[in-house]
């Protein structure tokens, strides 16, 4: 995965004047470049998952993983 950039310039013909826009990175906003970094993003983050710690605990307790 290429590193995130807001202005990506790449051309097979050598014309670097064309801006292809945002490119690269993982997550919807491109803030991480490696899967290991992405895995470190907290599952409880309301920004990422739209959840709360209480909802996560409730879901885990109700799942087959509870034991």
Protein backbone atom coordinates (compact mmCIF):
# COMPACT_ATOMS: atom_id res chain seq x y z
CA UNK A 1 0.00 0.00 0.00
CA UNK A 2 1.49 3.35 -0.94
CA UNK A 3 1.73 6.01 1.74
CA UNK A 4 -1.27 8.35 1.85
CA UNK A 5 -1.00 11.58 -0.08
CA UNK A 6 -3.66 14.16 -0.88
CA UNK A 7 -2.13 14.92 -4.27
CA UNK A 8 -0.91 11.88 -6.18
CA UNK A 9 1.14 12.55 -9.32
CA UNK A 10 2.02 9.54 -11.45
CA UNK A 11 2.11 9.00 -15.16
CA UNK A 12 3.39 6.27 -17.46
CA UNK A 13 4.22 8.97 -19.98
CA UNK A 14 6.29 11.10 -17.61
CA UNK A 15 3.67 13.88 -17.31
CA UNK A 16 3.64 14.61 -13.58
CA UNK A 17 1.25 17.58 -13.95
CA UNK A 18 -1.92 15.48 -13.55
CA UNK A 19 -3.17 15.37 -9.97
CA UNK A 20 -4.98 12.06 -9.38
CA UNK A 21 -6.20 13.23 -5.98
CA UNK A 22 -6.02 11.35 -2.67
CA UNK A 23 -4.27 8.00 -2.92
CA UNK A 24 -2.90 5.34 -0.59
CA UNK A 25 -3.13 4.51 3.03
CA UNK A 26 -5.53 2.27 4.89
CA UNK A 27 -8.77 3.22 6.65
CA UNK A 28 -11.21 5.59 5.04
CA UNK A 29 -9.02 8.61 5.68
CA UNK A 30 -5.66 7.00 4.82
CA UNK A 31 -4.04 7.70 8.17
CA UNK A 32 -2.16 4.39 8.40
CA UNK A 33 0.01 2.72 5.78
CA UNK A 34 0.45 -0.79 7.21
CA UNK A 35 -1.99 -3.48 8.33
CA UNK A 36 -0.25 -3.78 11.71
CA UNK A 37 -0.87 -0.09 12.34
CA UNK A 38 -4.49 -0.45 11.28
CA UNK A 39 -4.98 -3.32 13.73
CA UNK A 40 -3.86 -1.06 16.57
CA UNK A 41 -6.80 1.32 16.07
CA UNK A 42 -9.07 0.75 19.06
CA UNK A 43 -12.28 -1.17 18.47
CA UNK A 44 -13.93 1.08 21.01
CA UNK A 45 -13.28 4.24 19.03
CA UNK A 46 -16.53 6.06 18.36
CA UNK A 47 -14.77 7.65 15.40
CA UNK A 48 -14.09 4.29 13.75
CA UNK A 49 -16.89 2.02 14.93
CA UNK A 50 -19.63 4.37 16.06
CA UNK A 51 -19.80 2.41 19.30
CA UNK A 52 -19.19 2.75 23.01
CA UNK A 53 -17.34 0.51 25.47
CA UNK A 54 -20.69 -0.51 27.02
CA UNK A 55 -22.08 -1.65 23.64
CA UNK A 56 -18.94 -3.69 22.93
CA UNK A 57 -19.05 -5.38 26.34
CA UNK A 58 -22.75 -6.21 25.87
CA UNK A 59 -22.12 -7.66 22.41
CA UNK A 60 -19.20 -9.80 23.61
CA UNK A 61 -21.17 -11.10 26.61
CA UNK A 62 -24.01 -12.14 24.27
CA UNK A 63 -21.71 -13.86 21.79
CA UNK A 64 -20.25 -17.37 21.59
CA UNK A 65 -16.93 -15.86 22.73
CA UNK A 66 -18.30 -14.95 26.17
CA UNK A 67 -16.80 -17.99 27.85
